[in-house]
Amino acid sequence: MSIAKNLDNINIQLQGTTARLIAVTKTKPIADLEEAYQANCKTFGENKVQEMVEKWEILPKDIEWHLIGHLQSNKVKYMASFVAMIHSVDSLKLLQEINKQATKNNRIIDCLLQIYIAQEETKFGLSQDEAKELLQSDEFKSMKNIKIVGLMGMATNTDDQAQIRLEFRSLKTFFDELKVSIPESDNLQLKEISMGMSGDFLIAAEEGSTLVRVGSAIFGHR
């Protein structure tokens, strides 16, 4: 199936849910991104800053770029002028650097806190307690050029759909808890839950995801 047909198919499956599609374009050639763009998909997710910057320079400027991979503080400056959302904030130190670079670019950058929900040792992320501590800290409250707009989580890489569902549900439960327990402010407005990838995006959508990150189901496997 063509990229356009795959996009249509996924969007049909997402109808009636709260989830919007982010096309994960990491490692994909420019031609594939152009094909997706022609099919009216204009929200792209990249794992690596350098690759995102290279594609941003070439492609139309109405594309919304999301950084979804693990982010090192020293890379933030390269994308601070254009990135729409950073999904993978996993420390106060990283958030401080995003705030600093956003200030230099006279922007407010939307961010998601990455929460550790998987039964694996390899995934990055904050624990629920660490996330609460961060959001209640004076350092966070003083930041004027970032906005925490939600949470991101990655489920365990398993075929056990019940386990995946439980992990997504735990993130949604924590999201709802934060909305009640920590008051909104200029830099905290929780509305997005980024969870679900090619193999589990429908489960994620059923469990309340607002952003699903889908790559291979659109572009195929490289």
N, C-alpha and C. Protein backbone atom coordinates (compact mmCIF):
# COMPACT_ATOMS: atom_id res chain seq x y z
N MET A 1 0.85 -1.21 0.00
CA MET A 1 0.00 0.00 0.00
C MET A 1 0.87 1.25 0.00
N SER A 2 0.34 2.31 -0.60
CA SER A 2 1.10 3.56 -0.66
C SER A 2 1.07 4.26 0.70
N ILE A 3 1.98 5.20 0.87
CA ILE A 3 2.03 5.99 2.11
C ILE A 3 0.69 6.70 2.32
N ALA A 4 0.13 7.26 1.25
CA ALA A 4 -1.16 7.97 1.36
C ALA A 4 -2.28 7.03 1.82
N LYS A 5 -2.29 5.82 1.25
CA LYS A 5 -3.32 4.83 1.65
C LYS A 5 -3.15 4.41 3.11
N ASN A 6 -1.89 4.22 3.51
CA ASN A 6 -1.62 3.85 4.91
C ASN A 6 -2.09 4.95 5.86
N LEU A 7 -1.84 6.20 5.49
CA LEU A 7 -2.28 7.33 6.32
C LEU A 7 -3.80 7.36 6.42
N ASP A 8 -4.47 7.17 5.31
CA ASP A 8 -5.94 7.13 5.30
C ASP A 8 -6.45 6.03 6.24
N ASN A 9 -5.84 4.88 6.11
CA ASN A 9 -6.25 3.72 6.89
C ASN A 9 -6.12 3.98 8.40
N ILE A 10 -4.98 4.57 8.80
CA ILE A 10 -4.76 4.86 10.22
C ILE A 10 -5.73 5.93 10.71
N ASN A 11 -5.92 6.96 9.91
CA ASN A 11 -6.84 8.04 10.32
C ASN A 11 -8.28 7.53 10.46
N ILE A 12 -8.67 6.58 9.60
CA ILE A 12 -10.00 5.97 9.72
C ILE A 12 -10.10 5.21 11.05
N GLN A 13 -9.04 4.48 11.38
CA GLN A 13 -9.04 3.71 12.64
C GLN A 13 -9.08 4.62 13.87
N LEU A 14 -8.54 5.83 13.73
CA LEU A 14 -8.50 6.76 14.88
C LEU A 14 -9.79 7.57 15.01
N GLN A 15 -10.67 7.49 14.03
CA GLN A 15 -11.94 8.23 14.12
C GLN A 15 -12.70 7.83 15.37
N GLY A 16 -13.28 8.83 16.03
CA GLY A 16 -14.04 8.54 17.24
C GLY A 16 -13.20 8.46 18.50
N THR A 17 -11.86 8.63 18.37
CA THR A 17 -10.98 8.67 19.54
C THR A 17 -10.46 10.10 19.69
N THR A 18 -9.73 10.34 20.78
CA THR A 18 -9.13 11.67 21.00
C THR A 18 -7.76 11.78 20.35
N ALA A 19 -7.29 10.72 19.70
CA ALA A 19 -5.89 10.67 19.26
C ALA A 19 -5.67 11.33 17.90
N ARG A 20 -4.57 12.10 17.82
CA ARG A 20 -4.09 12.67 16.56
C ARG A 20 -2.79 11.95 16.17
N LEU A 21 -2.54 11.93 14.89
CA LEU A 21 -1.42 11.14 14.37
C LEU A 21 -0.16 11.99 14.21
N ILE A 22 0.95 11.46 14.74
CA ILE A 22 2.28 11.98 14.43
C ILE A 22 2.97 10.93 13.57
N ALA A 23 3.37 11.32 12.36
CA ALA A 23 4.08 10.39 11.48
C ALA A 23 5.55 10.37 11.89
N VAL A 24 6.02 9.20 12.31
CA VAL A 24 7.42 9.08 12.76
C VAL A 24 8.29 8.88 11.54
N THR A 25 9.10 9.90 11.25
CA THR A 25 9.84 9.98 9.99
C THR A 25 11.33 9.68 10.16
N LYS A 26 11.73 9.22 11.34
CA LYS A 26 13.16 8.94 11.57
C LYS A 26 13.67 7.92 10.56
N THR A 27 14.84 8.18 10.03
CA THR A 27 15.55 7.35 9.04
C THR A 27 14.86 7.28 7.68
N LYS A 28 13.72 7.97 7.53
CA LYS A 28 13.01 7.90 6.25
C LYS A 28 13.55 8.97 5.29
N PRO A 29 13.62 8.64 3.99
CA PRO A 29 14.14 9.61 3.02
C PRO A 29 13.16 10.76 2.80
N ILE A 30 13.70 11.87 2.33
CA ILE A 30 12.90 13.07 2.08
C ILE A 30 11.70 12.76 1.17
N ALA A 31 11.91 11.89 0.18
CA ALA A 31 10.82 11.56 -0.76
C ALA A 31 9.61 10.99 -0.03
N ASP A 32 9.85 10.17 1.00
CA ASP A 32 8.75 9.60 1.77
C ASP A 32 8.01 10.70 2.54
N LEU A 33 8.77 11.63 3.10
CA LEU A 33 8.15 12.72 3.86
C LEU A 33 7.33 13.61 2.92
N GLU A 34 7.86 13.83 1.72
CA GLU A 34 7.12 14.65 0.75
C GLU A 34 5.82 13.96 0.34
N GLU A 35 5.88 12.64 0.22
CA GLU A 35 4.67 11.89 -0.14
C GLU A 35 3.61 12.00 0.98
N ALA A 36 4.07 11.89 2.21
CA ALA A 36 3.15 12.05 3.35
C ALA A 36 2.58 13.46 3.38
N TYR A 37 3.43 14.44 3.12
CA TYR A 37 3.00 15.85 3.11
C TYR A 37 1.94 16.08 2.04
N GLN A 38 2.15 15.50 0.87
CA GLN A 38 1.17 15.64 -0.22
C GLN A 38 -0.16 15.01 0.16
N ALA A 39 -0.12 14.01 1.05
CA ALA A 39 -1.34 13.35 1.53
C ALA A 39 -1.92 14.08 2.75
N ASN A 40 -1.42 15.32 2.95
CA ASN A 40 -1.96 16.21 3.99
C ASN A 40 -1.56 15.81 5.41
N CYS A 41 -0.45 15.09 5.54
CA CYS A 41 0.11 14.79 6.86
C CYS A 41 1.24 15.79 7.10
N LYS A 42 1.09 16.64 8.11
CA LYS A 42 2.06 17.72 8.32
C LYS A 42 2.59 17.76 9.75
N THR A 43 2.48 16.63 10.46
CA THR A 43 3.04 16.54 11.80
C THR A 43 4.00 15.38 11.82
N PHE A 44 5.30 15.69 11.95
CA PHE A 44 6.34 14.68 11.83
C PHE A 44 7.11 14.55 13.14
N GLY A 45 7.45 13.32 13.50
CA GLY A 45 8.23 13.04 14.71
C GLY A 45 9.59 12.47 14.37
N GLU A 46 10.63 13.06 14.95
CA GLU A 46 12.00 12.60 14.72
C GLU A 46 12.65 12.22 16.04
N ASN A 47 13.58 11.27 15.97
CA ASN A 47 14.30 10.82 17.17
C ASN A 47 15.58 11.59 17.41
N LYS A 48 16.21 12.03 16.32
CA LYS A 48 17.52 12.67 16.45
C LYS A 48 17.45 14.12 15.96
N VAL A 49 18.06 14.99 16.74
CA VAL A 49 17.99 16.43 16.44
C VAL A 49 18.64 16.74 15.09
N GLN A 50 19.81 16.17 14.84
CA GLN A 50 20.53 16.49 13.60
C GLN A 50 19.71 16.13 12.37
N GLU A 51 19.09 14.95 12.41
CA GLU A 51 18.27 14.51 11.27
C GLU A 51 17.06 15.42 11.10
N MET A 52 16.47 15.83 12.21
CA MET A 52 15.31 16.72 12.15
C MET A 52 15.68 18.07 11.55
N VAL A 53 16.82 18.60 11.96
CA VAL A 53 17.26 19.91 11.45
C VAL A 53 17.50 19.82 9.94
N GLU A 54 18.15 18.75 9.51
CA GLU A 54 18.44 18.59 8.07
C GLU A 54 17.15 18.55 7.26
N LYS A 55 16.15 17.83 7.76
CA LYS A 55 14.87 17.73 7.04
C LYS A 55 14.09 19.05 7.11
N TRP A 56 14.14 19.69 8.25
CA TRP A 56 13.45 20.99 8.41
C TRP A 56 13.96 22.00 7.39
N GLU A 57 15.27 21.98 7.14
CA GLU A 57 15.87 22.95 6.21
C GLU A 57 15.35 22.76 4.78
N ILE A 58 15.01 21.52 4.43
CA ILE A 58 14.63 21.19 3.05
C ILE A 58 13.12 21.30 2.82
N LEU A 59 12.34 20.90 3.81
CA LEU A 59 10.90 20.70 3.61
C LEU A 59 10.08 21.96 3.91
N PRO A 60 8.79 21.99 3.49
CA PRO A 60 7.95 23.16 3.70
C PRO A 60 7.86 23.56 5.17
N LYS A 61 7.73 24.86 5.38
CA LYS A 61 7.81 25.39 6.75
C LYS A 61 6.48 25.31 7.52
N ASP A 62 5.43 24.77 6.92
CA ASP A 62 4.20 24.59 7.70
C ASP A 62 4.13 23.20 8.34
N ILE A 63 5.22 22.44 8.27
CA ILE A 63 5.29 21.15 8.97
C ILE A 63 5.55 21.41 10.45
N GLU A 64 4.85 20.64 11.28
CA GLU A 64 5.04 20.72 12.74
C GLU A 64 6.00 19.60 13.14
N TRP A 65 7.13 19.97 13.73
CA TRP A 65 8.16 18.98 14.07
C TRP A 65 8.13 18.66 15.55
N HIS A 66 8.06 17.36 15.85
CA HIS A 66 8.06 16.88 17.23
C HIS A 66 9.33 16.06 17.46
N LEU A 67 10.05 16.37 18.53
CA LEU A 67 11.22 15.57 18.91
C LEU A 67 10.73 14.51 19.88
N ILE A 68 10.81 13.24 19.47
CA ILE A 68 10.23 12.16 20.27
C ILE A 68 11.27 11.24 20.88
N GLY A 69 12.53 11.38 20.46
CA GLY A 69 13.59 10.51 20.98
C GLY A 69 14.28 11.11 22.19
N HIS A 70 15.15 10.32 22.80
CA HIS A 70 15.92 10.80 23.96
C HIS A 70 16.74 12.02 23.54
N LEU A 71 16.73 13.03 24.38
CA LEU A 71 17.34 14.32 24.02
C LEU A 71 18.46 14.67 24.99
N GLN A 72 19.62 15.00 24.42
CA GLN A 72 20.74 15.49 25.22
C GLN A 72 20.69 17.02 25.27
N SER A 73 21.03 17.55 26.43
CA SER A 73 20.93 19.01 26.64
C SER A 73 21.71 19.80 25.59
N ASN A 74 22.88 19.28 25.19
CA ASN A 74 23.73 20.05 24.27
C ASN A 74 23.18 20.12 22.85
N LYS A 75 22.10 19.38 22.57
CA LYS A 75 21.52 19.39 21.21
C LYS A 75 20.32 20.35 21.10
N VAL A 76 19.83 20.83 22.23
CA VAL A 76 18.58 21.62 22.23
C VAL A 76 18.71 22.87 21.35
N LYS A 77 19.87 23.51 21.41
CA LYS A 77 20.04 24.80 20.72
C LYS A 77 19.83 24.70 19.21
N TYR A 78 20.08 23.52 18.64
CA TYR A 78 20.00 23.38 17.18
C TYR A 78 18.56 23.41 16.66
N MET A 79 17.59 23.10 17.52
CA MET A 79 16.20 23.01 17.04
C MET A 79 15.28 23.99 17.77
N ALA A 80 15.84 24.77 18.69
CA ALA A 80 14.99 25.62 19.55
C ALA A 80 14.21 26.67 18.76
N SER A 81 14.68 27.00 17.57
CA SER A 81 14.01 28.05 16.79
C SER A 81 12.73 27.55 16.11
N PHE A 82 12.56 26.21 15.99
CA PHE A 82 11.42 25.73 15.20
C PHE A 82 10.66 24.54 15.78
N VAL A 83 11.23 23.79 16.71
CA VAL A 83 10.56 22.57 17.18
C VAL A 83 9.20 22.92 17.80
N ALA A 84 8.17 22.14 17.46
CA ALA A 84 6.82 22.42 17.95
C ALA A 84 6.60 21.83 19.33
N MET A 85 7.13 20.62 19.56
CA MET A 85 6.93 19.97 20.85
C MET A 85 8.06 18.98 21.10
N ILE A 86 8.51 18.93 22.36
CA ILE A 86 9.51 17.96 22.78
C ILE A 86 8.83 16.96 23.70
N HIS A 87 8.80 15.69 23.28
CA HIS A 87 8.04 14.66 24.02
C HIS A 87 8.84 14.03 25.15
N SER A 88 10.17 14.19 25.13
CA SER A 88 11.03 13.31 25.92
C SER A 88 11.78 14.03 27.04
N VAL A 89 11.11 14.94 27.73
CA VAL A 89 11.77 15.64 28.84
C VAL A 89 11.82 14.70 30.05
N ASP A 90 13.04 14.35 30.47
CA ASP A 90 13.18 13.38 31.54
C ASP A 90 14.05 13.88 32.70
N SER A 91 14.29 15.19 32.75
CA SER A 91 15.04 15.74 33.89
C SER A 91 14.81 17.25 33.97
N LEU A 92 14.99 17.77 35.17
CA LEU A 92 14.91 19.22 35.37
C LEU A 92 16.02 19.93 34.61
N LYS A 93 17.20 19.32 34.60
CA LYS A 93 18.36 19.91 33.89
C LYS A 93 18.04 20.12 32.41
N LEU A 94 17.42 19.11 31.79
CA LEU A 94 17.06 19.24 30.38
C LEU A 94 16.02 20.33 30.19
N LEU A 95 15.05 20.39 31.07
CA LEU A 95 14.00 21.41 30.96
C LEU A 95 14.60 22.81 31.10
N GLN A 96 15.58 22.96 31.98
CA GLN A 96 16.24 24.27 32.15
C GLN A 96 16.95 24.69 30.87
N GLU A 97 17.57 23.73 30.19
CA GLU A 97 18.26 24.05 28.94
C GLU A 97 17.26 24.41 27.84
N ILE A 98 16.14 23.69 27.78
CA ILE A 98 15.10 24.03 26.79
C ILE A 98 14.57 25.44 27.05
N ASN A 99 14.35 25.75 28.31
CA ASN A 99 13.87 27.09 28.68
C ASN A 99 14.88 28.16 28.27
N LYS A 100 16.15 27.89 28.51
CA LYS A 100 17.23 28.83 28.17
C LYS A 100 17.27 29.08 26.65
N GLN A 101 17.22 28.00 25.87
CA GLN A 101 17.30 28.15 24.41
C GLN A 101 16.02 28.75 23.83
N ALA A 102 14.89 28.43 24.43
CA ALA A 102 13.62 29.04 24.00
C ALA A 102 13.64 30.54 24.25
N THR A 103 14.21 30.93 25.39
CA THR A 103 14.32 32.36 25.73
C THR A 103 15.15 33.08 24.68
N LYS A 104 16.28 32.47 24.29
CA LYS A 104 17.16 33.08 23.27
C LYS A 104 16.43 33.27 21.95
N ASN A 105 15.48 32.38 21.66
CA ASN A 105 14.74 32.44 20.39
C ASN A 105 13.39 33.14 20.54
N ASN A 106 13.17 33.70 21.72
CA ASN A 106 11.92 34.43 21.97
C ASN A 106 10.69 33.56 21.70
N ARG A 107 10.75 32.32 22.19
CA ARG A 107 9.66 31.37 21.97
C ARG A 107 9.26 30.73 23.30
N ILE A 108 8.06 30.15 23.31
CA ILE A 108 7.66 29.25 24.38
C ILE A 108 7.53 27.87 23.74
N ILE A 109 8.29 26.90 24.24
CA ILE A 109 8.31 25.57 23.64
C ILE A 109 7.45 24.62 24.47
N ASP A 110 6.51 23.96 23.80
CA ASP A 110 5.67 22.96 24.45
C ASP A 110 6.48 21.69 24.71
N CYS A 111 6.32 21.16 25.92
CA CYS A 111 7.07 19.96 26.32
C CYS A 111 6.15 18.95 26.99
N LEU A 112 6.55 17.69 26.89
CA LEU A 112 5.89 16.60 27.62
C LEU A 112 6.91 15.99 28.56
N LEU A 113 6.48 15.64 29.77
CA LEU A 113 7.34 14.88 30.67
C LEU A 113 7.26 13.41 30.29
N GLN A 114 8.41 12.79 30.07
CA GLN A 114 8.42 11.36 29.76
C GLN A 114 8.37 10.57 31.07
N ILE A 115 7.34 9.75 31.20
CA ILE A 115 7.11 8.98 32.42
C ILE A 115 7.45 7.52 32.15
N TYR A 116 8.17 6.94 33.07
CA TYR A 116 8.60 5.55 32.93
C TYR A 116 7.43 4.62 33.28
N ILE A 117 6.90 3.92 32.28
CA ILE A 117 5.76 3.02 32.55
C ILE A 117 6.05 1.57 32.19
N ALA A 118 7.17 1.31 31.52
CA ALA A 118 7.44 -0.05 31.00
C ALA A 118 8.09 -0.95 32.04
N GLN A 119 8.01 -2.26 31.79
CA GLN A 119 8.67 -3.26 32.64
C GLN A 119 10.05 -3.58 32.07
N GLU A 120 10.75 -2.58 31.60
CA GLU A 120 12.06 -2.80 30.98
C GLU A 120 13.06 -1.82 31.58
N GLU A 121 14.32 -2.20 31.55
CA GLU A 121 15.36 -1.34 32.11
C GLU A 121 15.88 -0.31 31.11
N THR A 122 15.53 -0.46 29.85
CA THR A 122 16.19 0.34 28.82
C THR A 122 15.51 1.68 28.55
N LYS A 123 14.28 1.85 29.00
CA LYS A 123 13.54 3.06 28.65
C LYS A 123 13.92 4.22 29.57
N PHE A 124 13.97 5.41 28.99
CA PHE A 124 14.21 6.62 29.77
C PHE A 124 12.89 7.07 30.41
N GLY A 125 13.00 7.97 31.36
CA GLY A 125 11.76 8.55 31.89
C GLY A 125 11.86 8.84 33.38
N LEU A 126 10.94 9.67 33.84
CA LEU A 126 10.81 10.01 35.25
C LEU A 126 9.84 9.04 35.92
N SER A 127 10.05 8.79 37.19
CA SER A 127 9.02 8.10 37.95
C SER A 127 7.90 9.10 38.25
N GLN A 128 6.76 8.60 38.68
CA GLN A 128 5.66 9.51 39.00
C GLN A 128 6.06 10.47 40.10
N ASP A 129 6.77 9.99 41.10
CA ASP A 129 7.19 10.87 42.20
C ASP A 129 8.16 11.95 41.72
N GLU A 130 9.09 11.55 40.84
CA GLU A 130 10.05 12.54 40.30
C GLU A 130 9.33 13.60 39.47
N ALA A 131 8.33 13.19 38.72
CA ALA A 131 7.57 14.15 37.90
C ALA A 131 6.84 15.15 38.78
N LYS A 132 6.20 14.66 39.84
CA LYS A 132 5.49 15.56 40.76
C LYS A 132 6.46 16.53 41.41
N GLU A 133 7.59 16.00 41.84
CA GLU A 133 8.60 16.85 42.49
C GLU A 133 9.06 17.95 41.54
N LEU A 134 9.30 17.58 40.29
CA LEU A 134 9.73 18.57 39.29
C LEU A 134 8.67 19.67 39.13
N LEU A 135 7.41 19.26 38.97
CA LEU A 135 6.34 20.23 38.71
C LEU A 135 6.06 21.14 39.91
N GLN A 136 6.44 20.68 41.10
CA GLN A 136 6.20 21.48 42.30
C GLN A 136 7.43 22.28 42.72
N SER A 137 8.52 22.15 41.95
CA SER A 137 9.76 22.82 42.33
C SER A 137 9.74 24.30 41.97
N ASP A 138 10.46 25.08 42.74
CA ASP A 138 10.57 26.52 42.46
C ASP A 138 11.28 26.75 41.12
N GLU A 139 12.24 25.87 40.79
CA GLU A 139 12.96 26.02 39.52
C GLU A 139 11.99 25.93 38.34
N PHE A 140 11.11 24.95 38.41
CA PHE A 140 10.13 24.81 37.33
C PHE A 140 9.19 26.02 37.28
N LYS A 141 8.71 26.42 38.42
CA LYS A 141 7.74 27.53 38.47
C LYS A 141 8.31 28.82 37.92
N SER A 142 9.64 28.95 37.97
CA SER A 142 10.27 30.20 37.49
C SER A 142 10.49 30.23 35.98
N MET A 143 10.27 29.10 35.32
CA MET A 143 10.54 29.03 33.86
C MET A 143 9.41 29.68 33.07
N LYS A 144 9.78 30.61 32.20
CA LYS A 144 8.78 31.39 31.46
C LYS A 144 8.67 30.99 29.99
N ASN A 145 9.63 30.22 29.49
CA ASN A 145 9.69 29.96 28.05
C ASN A 145 9.49 28.49 27.67
N ILE A 146 8.98 27.73 28.64
CA ILE A 146 8.53 26.37 28.32
C ILE A 146 7.12 26.22 28.86
N LYS A 147 6.41 25.25 28.31
CA LYS A 147 5.09 24.92 28.84
C LYS A 147 4.96 23.40 28.85
N ILE A 148 4.73 22.84 30.03
CA ILE A 148 4.46 21.40 30.11
C ILE A 148 2.99 21.21 29.75
N VAL A 149 2.76 20.55 28.61
CA VAL A 149 1.39 20.38 28.12
C VAL A 149 0.89 18.94 28.26
N GLY A 150 1.72 18.06 28.85
CA GLY A 150 1.24 16.70 29.03
C GLY A 150 2.36 15.73 29.35
N LEU A 151 2.06 14.45 29.12
CA LEU A 151 2.96 13.35 29.47
C LEU A 151 3.18 12.45 28.26
N MET A 152 4.33 11.77 28.26
CA MET A 152 4.63 10.78 27.24
C MET A 152 5.06 9.49 27.92
N GLY A 153 4.68 8.37 27.34
CA GLY A 153 5.13 7.08 27.87
C GLY A 153 5.29 6.05 26.77
N MET A 154 6.20 5.12 26.99
CA MET A 154 6.41 4.01 26.06
C MET A 154 6.15 2.70 26.77
N ALA A 155 5.26 1.90 26.21
CA ALA A 155 4.92 0.62 26.83
C ALA A 155 6.05 -0.39 26.62
N THR A 156 6.02 -1.43 27.42
CA THR A 156 6.96 -2.54 27.26
C THR A 156 6.84 -3.13 25.86
N ASN A 157 7.98 -3.51 25.31
CA ASN A 157 8.00 -4.16 23.98
C ASN A 157 7.61 -5.63 24.16
N THR A 158 6.31 -5.89 24.14
CA THR A 158 5.81 -7.25 24.39
C THR A 158 4.58 -7.51 23.53
N ASP A 159 4.27 -8.78 23.32
CA ASP A 159 3.03 -9.13 22.60
C ASP A 159 1.84 -9.22 23.55
N ASP A 160 2.08 -9.05 24.84
CA ASP A 160 1.02 -9.15 25.84
C ASP A 160 0.19 -7.86 25.85
N GLN A 161 -0.92 -7.90 25.12
CA GLN A 161 -1.73 -6.68 24.96
C GLN A 161 -2.34 -6.22 26.29
N ALA A 162 -2.62 -7.16 27.16
CA ALA A 162 -3.18 -6.80 28.47
C ALA A 162 -2.18 -5.97 29.27
N GLN A 163 -0.91 -6.36 29.19
CA GLN A 163 0.12 -5.61 29.91
C GLN A 163 0.28 -4.21 29.31
N ILE A 164 0.31 -4.14 27.97
CA ILE A 164 0.42 -2.84 27.29
C ILE A 164 -0.74 -1.93 27.70
N ARG A 165 -1.93 -2.48 27.70
CA ARG A 165 -3.13 -1.70 28.08
C ARG A 165 -3.01 -1.17 29.51
N LEU A 166 -2.54 -2.03 30.42
CA LEU A 166 -2.38 -1.61 31.82
C LEU A 166 -1.36 -0.48 31.94
N GLU A 167 -0.27 -0.57 31.18
CA GLU A 167 0.76 0.47 31.24
C GLU A 167 0.23 1.80 30.71
N PHE A 168 -0.50 1.75 29.60
CA PHE A 168 -1.10 2.98 29.08
C PHE A 168 -2.13 3.54 30.06
N ARG A 169 -2.90 2.65 30.65
CA ARG A 169 -3.92 3.09 31.60
C ARG A 169 -3.28 3.76 32.82
N SER A 170 -2.13 3.24 33.23
CA SER A 170 -1.45 3.83 34.39
C SER A 170 -0.99 5.26 34.07
N LEU A 171 -0.59 5.51 32.82
CA LEU A 171 -0.17 6.86 32.43
C LEU A 171 -1.37 7.80 32.42
N LYS A 172 -2.50 7.33 31.88
CA LYS A 172 -3.71 8.16 31.85
C LYS A 172 -4.19 8.46 33.27
N THR A 173 -4.11 7.47 34.15
CA THR A 173 -4.52 7.67 35.55
C THR A 173 -3.64 8.72 36.22
N PHE A 174 -2.32 8.64 35.97
CA PHE A 174 -1.39 9.61 36.55
C PHE A 174 -1.66 11.01 35.99
N PHE A 175 -1.92 11.09 34.69
CA PHE A 175 -2.27 12.37 34.04
C PHE A 175 -3.49 13.00 34.72
N ASP A 176 -4.52 12.19 34.91
CA ASP A 176 -5.75 12.69 35.56
C ASP A 176 -5.47 13.14 37.00
N GLU A 177 -4.62 12.41 37.67
CA GLU A 177 -4.26 12.74 39.06
C GLU A 177 -3.52 14.08 39.13
N LEU A 178 -2.59 14.27 38.20
CA LEU A 178 -1.83 15.54 38.17
C LEU A 178 -2.75 16.72 37.90
N LYS A 179 -3.70 16.53 37.00
CA LYS A 179 -4.63 17.63 36.66
C LYS A 179 -5.41 18.10 37.89
N VAL A 180 -5.69 17.16 38.78
CA VAL A 180 -6.45 17.49 39.99
C VAL A 180 -5.54 18.04 41.09
N SER A 181 -4.33 17.49 41.20
CA SER A 181 -3.50 17.78 42.38
C SER A 181 -2.57 18.98 42.21
N ILE A 182 -2.22 19.33 40.97
CA ILE A 182 -1.31 20.47 40.76
C ILE A 182 -2.02 21.52 39.91
N PRO A 183 -2.21 22.73 40.45
CA PRO A 183 -2.98 23.74 39.72
C PRO A 183 -2.31 24.17 38.42
N GLU A 184 -3.12 24.49 37.44
CA GLU A 184 -2.60 25.01 36.17
C GLU A 184 -1.91 26.34 36.40
N SER A 185 -0.96 26.64 35.53
CA SER A 185 -0.27 27.93 35.57
C SER A 185 0.14 28.27 34.14
N ASP A 186 0.85 29.38 33.97
CA ASP A 186 1.27 29.75 32.61
C ASP A 186 2.12 28.67 31.96
N ASN A 187 2.91 27.97 32.77
CA ASN A 187 3.80 26.96 32.17
C ASN A 187 3.40 25.51 32.47
N LEU A 188 2.17 25.32 32.96
CA LEU A 188 1.64 23.97 33.16
C LEU A 188 0.17 23.92 32.75
N GLN A 189 -0.07 23.33 31.59
CA GLN A 189 -1.44 23.19 31.08
C GLN A 189 -1.57 21.81 30.45
N LEU A 190 -1.98 20.84 31.26
CA LEU A 190 -1.97 19.45 30.82
C LEU A 190 -3.14 19.16 29.90
N LYS A 191 -2.81 18.78 28.66
CA LYS A 191 -3.86 18.40 27.72
C LYS A 191 -3.48 17.26 26.78
N GLU A 192 -2.19 16.92 26.74
CA GLU A 192 -1.74 15.90 25.79
C GLU A 192 -1.20 14.66 26.51
N ILE A 193 -1.52 13.49 25.96
CA ILE A 193 -0.90 12.23 26.40
C ILE A 193 -0.35 11.55 25.15
N SER A 194 0.97 11.48 25.07
CA SER A 194 1.62 10.89 23.91
C SER A 194 1.97 9.43 24.23
N MET A 195 1.16 8.52 23.69
CA MET A 195 1.45 7.09 23.88
C MET A 195 0.85 6.32 22.71
N GLY A 196 1.54 5.24 22.37
CA GLY A 196 1.09 4.40 21.26
C GLY A 196 1.99 4.55 20.04
N MET A 197 2.43 3.40 19.50
CA MET A 197 3.26 3.38 18.30
C MET A 197 2.62 2.40 17.31
N SER A 198 3.33 2.04 16.25
CA SER A 198 2.71 1.26 15.17
C SER A 198 2.02 0.00 15.66
N GLY A 199 2.62 -0.69 16.63
CA GLY A 199 2.06 -1.97 17.07
C GLY A 199 0.94 -1.86 18.09
N ASP A 200 0.81 -0.69 18.72
CA ASP A 200 -0.15 -0.61 19.83
C ASP A 200 -0.94 0.71 19.86
N PHE A 201 -0.97 1.42 18.74
CA PHE A 201 -1.61 2.75 18.78
C PHE A 201 -3.12 2.68 19.01
N LEU A 202 -3.75 1.59 18.57
CA LEU A 202 -5.20 1.49 18.79
C LEU A 202 -5.53 1.28 20.27
N ILE A 203 -4.72 0.45 20.94
CA ILE A 203 -4.89 0.28 22.39
C ILE A 203 -4.68 1.62 23.08
N ALA A 204 -3.63 2.34 22.67
CA ALA A 204 -3.33 3.65 23.27
C ALA A 204 -4.49 4.62 23.07
N ALA A 205 -5.04 4.63 21.87
CA ALA A 205 -6.17 5.52 21.58
C ALA A 205 -7.37 5.18 22.47
N GLU A 206 -7.61 3.89 22.63
CA GLU A 206 -8.72 3.46 23.49
C GLU A 206 -8.50 3.86 24.94
N GLU A 207 -7.23 3.96 25.35
CA GLU A 207 -6.90 4.29 26.74
C GLU A 207 -6.67 5.79 26.96
N GLY A 208 -6.96 6.61 25.94
CA GLY A 208 -6.95 8.05 26.17
C GLY A 208 -5.80 8.83 25.57
N SER A 209 -4.99 8.18 24.73
CA SER A 209 -3.90 8.91 24.08
C SER A 209 -4.46 10.05 23.22
N THR A 210 -3.74 11.17 23.20
CA THR A 210 -4.11 12.26 22.28
C THR A 210 -3.11 12.38 21.12
N LEU A 211 -1.94 11.75 21.27
CA LEU A 211 -0.92 11.78 20.22
C LEU A 211 -0.35 10.37 20.06
N VAL A 212 -0.55 9.76 18.90
CA VAL A 212 0.06 8.45 18.63
C VAL A 212 1.21 8.64 17.65
N ARG A 213 2.30 7.93 17.91
CA ARG A 213 3.54 8.10 17.16
C ARG A 213 3.73 6.88 16.26
N VAL A 214 3.39 7.02 14.99
CA VAL A 214 3.34 5.85 14.10
C VAL A 214 4.32 6.02 12.95
N GLY A 215 5.21 5.03 12.79
CA GLY A 215 6.19 5.08 11.71
C GLY A 215 6.04 3.95 10.71
N SER A 216 6.35 2.73 11.14
CA SER A 216 6.40 1.61 10.18
C SER A 216 5.04 1.30 9.57
N ALA A 217 3.94 1.56 10.30
CA ALA A 217 2.61 1.31 9.72
C ALA A 217 2.28 2.30 8.60
N ILE A 218 3.03 3.40 8.54
CA ILE A 218 2.85 4.37 7.44
C ILE A 218 3.87 4.12 6.33
N PHE A 219 5.14 4.03 6.74
CA PHE A 219 6.23 4.03 5.75
C PHE A 219 6.79 2.65 5.45
N GLY A 220 6.34 1.63 6.20
CA GLY A 220 6.90 0.30 6.05
C GLY A 220 8.23 0.19 6.79
N HIS A 221 8.78 -1.02 6.85
CA HIS A 221 10.05 -1.25 7.53
C HIS A 221 11.19 -1.03 6.56
N ARG A 222 12.25 -0.38 7.05
CA ARG A 222 13.44 -0.20 6.21
C ARG A 222 14.32 -1.42 6.33
